[in-house]
């Protein structure tokens, strides 16, 4: 594995250490970014992996981060009410939002519409367009996870959304419940200034290996196609998630 790829990978001894060091890195990124601009835009990841990271941002960094200058979005959402147990918004609220002093107007949950996931996706794109006022949003940081099947955000292998080139936000279908999802698309992910992937556990090792390979198709591992044109990607992994890349000389 070449040195440029090694520089993108941060292998940590365990999940706790991964969460702690990623939180510190995010804090430093927010600080350095706000030297040159007056706001920091962050798209949150769903799933269980970032929960401990959010807990740390909401405790150790609750008063160190100027939350009034941070604007929070979501990379994807399940089309369920925001108080539903499977809602990405609910998880972020419990682990982060309820613990910090952030203006309500700085938080942009993904709309949900039980009657039409397409409507929800369009509403979120409209919100993003109004906020960013550009041809394509440039997030300061997008947090992403990776599924055992190689999906990221709600961009699943074989879904129409992985081929979307114009829309910022797309409706999509997951192979597991809740199936209806809303997701940011590759044009948005690949326009970010920074993308941090978070992965822990042995079940993620094969997908991580695929995502860091050069010859994997989009239908095999969508996460491999998150490669910002001008941005930086960091992979935060614990040792178990890094198991299948040992032979590439990383540790």
Protein backbone atom coordinates (compact mmCIF):
# COMPACT_ATOMS: atom_id res chain seq x y z
CA UNK A 1 0.00 0.00 0.00
CA UNK A 2 1.49 3.37 -0.96
CA UNK A 3 2.30 6.04 1.59
CA UNK A 4 -0.48 8.36 0.40
CA UNK A 5 -3.09 5.76 1.37
CA UNK A 6 -1.40 5.01 4.67
CA UNK A 7 -1.68 8.68 5.56
CA UNK A 8 -5.47 8.42 5.29
CA UNK A 9 -5.78 5.64 7.88
CA UNK A 10 -5.80 6.00 11.65
CA UNK A 11 -5.77 2.58 13.30
CA UNK A 12 -6.68 2.73 17.00
CA UNK A 13 -6.31 0.06 19.63
CA UNK A 14 -10.04 -0.14 20.39
CA UNK A 15 -13.41 1.54 19.92
CA UNK A 16 -13.00 3.83 22.95
CA UNK A 17 -9.65 5.11 21.74
CA UNK A 18 -11.00 5.54 18.22
CA UNK A 19 -13.88 7.67 19.51
CA UNK A 20 -11.64 9.72 21.79
CA UNK A 21 -9.02 10.53 19.17
CA UNK A 22 -11.57 11.20 16.44
CA UNK A 23 -13.37 13.64 18.77
CA UNK A 24 -10.14 15.50 19.47
CA UNK A 25 -9.34 15.62 15.76
CA UNK A 26 -12.79 17.06 15.01
CA UNK A 27 -12.35 19.66 17.73
CA UNK A 28 -9.03 20.74 16.24
CA UNK A 29 -10.51 20.84 12.75
CA UNK A 30 -13.35 23.08 13.90
CA UNK A 31 -10.88 25.38 15.64
CA UNK A 32 -8.56 25.69 12.65
CA UNK A 33 -11.43 26.15 10.17
CA UNK A 34 -13.03 28.94 12.19
CA UNK A 35 -9.82 30.95 12.02
CA UNK A 36 -10.59 31.67 8.36
CA UNK A 37 -14.39 31.55 8.25
CA UNK A 38 -17.32 32.28 10.52
CA UNK A 39 -19.16 28.95 10.38
CA UNK A 40 -18.45 25.22 10.32
CA UNK A 41 -20.78 22.84 8.51
CA UNK A 42 -20.90 19.25 9.72
CA UNK A 43 -22.96 16.34 8.36
CA UNK A 44 -23.51 13.67 11.00
CA UNK A 45 -23.41 9.92 10.43
CA UNK A 46 -26.12 7.54 11.55
CA UNK A 47 -25.90 4.06 12.98
CA UNK A 48 -24.41 2.99 16.30
CA UNK A 49 -20.69 3.56 15.62
CA UNK A 50 -20.60 7.36 16.16
CA UNK A 51 -22.61 7.26 19.40
CA UNK A 52 -19.55 7.31 21.68
CA UNK A 53 -17.97 10.03 19.57
CA UNK A 54 -21.11 12.13 19.96
CA UNK A 55 -21.11 11.48 23.70
CA UNK A 56 -17.57 12.87 23.90
CA UNK A 57 -18.36 15.92 21.78
CA UNK A 58 -21.32 16.53 24.07
CA UNK A 59 -19.30 16.22 27.27
CA UNK A 60 -15.56 16.90 26.99
CA UNK A 61 -16.09 19.42 24.20
CA UNK A 62 -19.47 20.83 25.15
CA UNK A 63 -17.95 24.13 26.28
CA UNK A 64 -14.78 24.08 24.17
CA UNK A 65 -16.50 24.08 20.79
CA UNK A 66 -18.28 27.33 19.81
CA UNK A 67 -21.51 25.57 18.89
CA UNK A 68 -23.16 28.82 17.86
CA UNK A 69 -20.86 28.72 14.81
CA UNK A 70 -21.46 25.03 14.01
CA UNK A 71 -24.26 23.98 11.66
CA UNK A 72 -25.39 20.37 11.82
CA UNK A 73 -26.85 18.28 9.03
CA UNK A 74 -27.26 14.55 8.42
CA UNK A 75 -25.70 12.36 5.75
CA UNK A 76 -28.75 10.13 5.66
CA UNK A 77 -31.93 9.30 7.52
CA UNK A 78 -34.46 6.53 7.83
CA UNK A 79 -37.93 7.65 6.76
CA UNK A 80 -39.38 7.28 10.25
CA UNK A 81 -40.50 9.86 12.81
CA UNK A 82 -37.64 11.67 14.53
CA UNK A 83 -38.54 10.08 17.86
CA UNK A 84 -38.48 6.56 16.40
CA UNK A 85 -35.89 4.17 17.86
CA UNK A 86 -34.30 3.76 14.40
CA UNK A 87 -34.06 7.47 13.66
CA UNK A 88 -30.58 8.86 13.10
CA UNK A 89 -31.87 12.19 14.39
CA UNK A 90 -33.02 10.61 17.64
CA UNK A 91 -29.61 9.01 18.20
CA UNK A 92 -27.77 12.26 17.59
CA UNK A 93 -30.21 14.12 19.82
CA UNK A 94 -29.73 11.72 22.72
CA UNK A 95 -25.95 11.52 22.45
CA UNK A 96 -25.12 15.07 21.37
CA UNK A 97 -27.83 17.67 20.78
CA UNK A 98 -29.39 17.41 24.23
CA UNK A 99 -25.98 17.99 25.81
CA UNK A 100 -24.81 21.11 24.01
CA UNK A 101 -25.88 24.73 23.69
CA UNK A 102 -26.53 25.01 19.98
CA UNK A 103 -29.10 27.35 18.43
CA UNK A 104 -32.14 25.57 17.07
CA UNK A 105 -31.68 27.33 13.74
CA UNK A 106 -28.23 25.70 13.41
CA UNK A 107 -29.68 22.19 13.27
CA UNK A 108 -31.10 20.81 10.03
CA UNK A 109 -32.77 17.41 10.52
CA UNK A 110 -33.74 15.47 7.42
CA UNK A 111 -37.50 15.88 6.86
CA UNK A 112 -39.44 12.63 6.98
CA UNK A 113 -42.64 12.00 5.07
CA UNK A 114 -44.33 8.64 5.65
CA UNK A 115 -46.50 9.23 2.60
CA UNK A 116 -43.58 9.91 0.23
CA UNK A 117 -39.86 9.35 0.73
CA UNK A 118 -39.26 11.22 -2.53
CA UNK A 119 -40.97 14.28 -1.09
CA UNK A 120 -38.79 14.11 2.01
CA UNK A 121 -35.65 13.91 -0.12
CA UNK A 122 -36.67 16.90 -2.22
CA UNK A 123 -37.51 18.94 0.86
CA UNK A 124 -34.07 18.30 2.31
CA UNK A 125 -32.36 19.23 -0.93
CA UNK A 126 -34.36 22.46 -0.97
CA UNK A 127 -33.15 23.24 2.56
CA UNK A 128 -29.54 22.58 1.58
CA UNK A 129 -29.81 24.76 -1.51
CA UNK A 130 -31.26 27.62 0.50
CA UNK A 131 -28.52 27.32 3.12
CA UNK A 132 -25.46 26.91 0.89
CA UNK A 133 -26.54 29.12 -2.01
CA UNK A 134 -24.08 27.37 -4.35
CA UNK A 135 -24.13 24.97 -7.28
CA UNK A 136 -23.01 22.18 -4.94
CA UNK A 137 -22.64 22.22 -1.14
CA UNK A 138 -19.14 22.06 0.29
CA UNK A 139 -19.36 20.66 3.81
CA UNK A 140 -16.43 21.33 6.09
CA UNK A 141 -16.78 17.79 7.42
CA UNK A 142 -18.94 14.79 6.60
CA UNK A 143 -18.94 11.85 9.00
CA UNK A 144 -19.65 8.45 7.47
CA UNK A 145 -19.87 4.85 8.55
CA UNK A 146 -19.55 1.72 6.47
CA UNK A 147 -21.87 -1.28 6.48
CA UNK A 148 -20.87 -4.92 6.30
CA UNK A 149 -22.08 -4.79 2.68
CA UNK A 150 -19.93 -1.78 1.83
CA UNK A 151 -22.69 0.82 1.88
CA UNK A 152 -22.13 4.28 3.29
CA UNK A 153 -24.73 6.88 4.23
CA UNK A 154 -27.72 5.14 2.57
CA UNK A 155 -25.92 4.43 -0.68
CA UNK A 156 -26.40 0.67 -0.98
CA UNK A 157 -24.93 -1.74 -3.52
CA UNK A 158 -27.26 -2.02 -6.51
CA UNK A 159 -29.43 0.98 -5.59
CA UNK A 160 -30.33 3.66 -8.11
CA UNK A 161 -29.05 6.33 -5.75
CA UNK A 162 -25.42 5.29 -6.21
CA UNK A 163 -25.58 6.43 -9.84
CA UNK A 164 -27.24 9.78 -9.14
CA UNK A 165 -25.19 12.60 -10.66
CA UNK A 166 -27.43 15.66 -10.37
CA UNK A 167 -29.52 15.49 -7.23
CA UNK A 168 -27.98 16.46 -3.91
CA UNK A 169 -30.36 14.26 -1.94
CA UNK A 170 -32.01 11.06 -3.15
CA UNK A 171 -34.64 8.62 -1.90
CA UNK A 172 -33.40 5.07 -1.69
CA UNK A 173 -34.26 1.63 -0.39
CA UNK A 174 -32.28 -0.39 2.13
CA UNK A 175 -32.16 -4.19 2.20
CA UNK A 176 -33.20 -4.14 5.87
CA UNK A 177 -35.88 -2.33 7.85
CA UNK A 178 -36.61 0.49 7.92
CA UNK A 179 -36.21 0.23 4.17
CA UNK A 180 -37.17 3.74 3.07
CA UNK A 181 -34.17 6.08 3.36
CA UNK A 182 -33.06 9.58 2.37
CA UNK A 183 -29.39 10.09 1.56
CA UNK A 184 -26.83 12.60 0.39
CA UNK A 185 -25.48 11.58 -3.01
CA UNK A 186 -21.93 11.05 -4.26
CA UNK A 187 -21.69 14.53 -5.86
CA UNK A 188 -22.22 16.04 -2.40
CA UNK A 189 -19.98 13.60 -0.54
CA UNK A 190 -17.19 14.09 -3.05
CA UNK A 191 -17.36 17.86 -2.80
CA UNK A 192 -16.65 17.91 0.94
CA UNK A 193 -13.54 19.52 2.38
CA UNK A 194 -13.14 16.61 4.81
CA UNK A 195 -14.68 13.16 5.16
CA UNK A 196 -14.09 10.96 8.21
CA UNK A 197 -15.09 7.31 8.03
CA UNK A 198 -15.64 5.55 11.38
CA UNK A 199 -15.56 1.75 11.63
CA UNK A 200 -15.10 -0.68 14.48
CA UNK A 201 -15.48 -4.42 14.91
CA UNK A 202 -14.42 -7.49 12.98
CA UNK A 203 -17.67 -7.52 10.96
CA UNK A 204 -16.50 -4.37 9.15
CA UNK A 205 -13.04 -5.61 8.20
CA UNK A 206 -13.92 -7.08 4.80
CA UNK A 207 -15.88 -3.98 3.78
CA UNK A 208 -13.04 -1.71 4.90
CA UNK A 209 -10.59 -3.77 2.87
CA UNK A 210 -12.83 -3.45 -0.20
CA UNK A 211 -13.27 0.29 0.30
CA UNK A 212 -9.50 0.77 0.33
CA UNK A 213 -8.94 -1.36 -2.76
CA UNK A 214 -8.32 0.04 -6.22
CA UNK A 215 -10.43 -2.26 -8.35
CA UNK A 216 -13.76 -2.62 -6.53
CA UNK A 217 -16.97 -1.83 -8.40
CA UNK A 218 -19.56 0.59 -7.07
CA UNK A 219 -22.12 -2.21 -6.78
CA UNK A 220 -19.71 -4.18 -4.61
CA UNK A 221 -18.63 -1.39 -2.27
CA UNK A 222 -20.16 2.08 -2.64
CA UNK A 223 -17.91 3.42 0.16
CA UNK A 224 -14.90 2.99 -2.15
CA UNK A 225 -16.30 5.78 -4.32
CA UNK A 226 -16.15 8.45 -1.65
CA UNK A 227 -13.08 10.22 -2.98
CA UNK A 228 -13.43 14.00 -2.72
CA UNK A 229 -11.91 15.83 -5.67
CA UNK A 230 -10.22 18.45 -3.51
CA UNK A 231 -10.98 17.24 0.02
CA UNK A 232 -9.31 14.93 2.52
CA UNK A 233 -10.50 11.49 3.65
CA UNK A 234 -9.51 9.91 6.95
CA UNK A 235 -10.40 6.37 7.99
CA UNK A 236 -10.74 5.94 11.76
CA UNK A 237 -10.54 2.20 12.48
CA UNK A 238 -10.07 0.04 15.51
CA UNK A 239 -7.76 -2.97 15.17
CA UNK A 240 -10.61 -5.38 14.54
CA UNK A 241 -12.00 -3.31 11.67
CA UNK A 242 -8.48 -3.17 10.24
CA UNK A 243 -7.94 -6.93 10.35
CA UNK A 244 -8.24 -7.50 6.61
CA UNK A 245 -5.80 -4.75 5.67
CA UNK A 246 -2.97 -6.09 7.80
CA UNK A 247 -1.36 -7.70 4.78
CA UNK A 248 -1.11 -4.29 3.15
CA UNK A 249 1.58 -3.31 5.62
CA UNK A 250 -0.33 -0.86 7.77
CA UNK A 251 0.54 -2.40 11.16
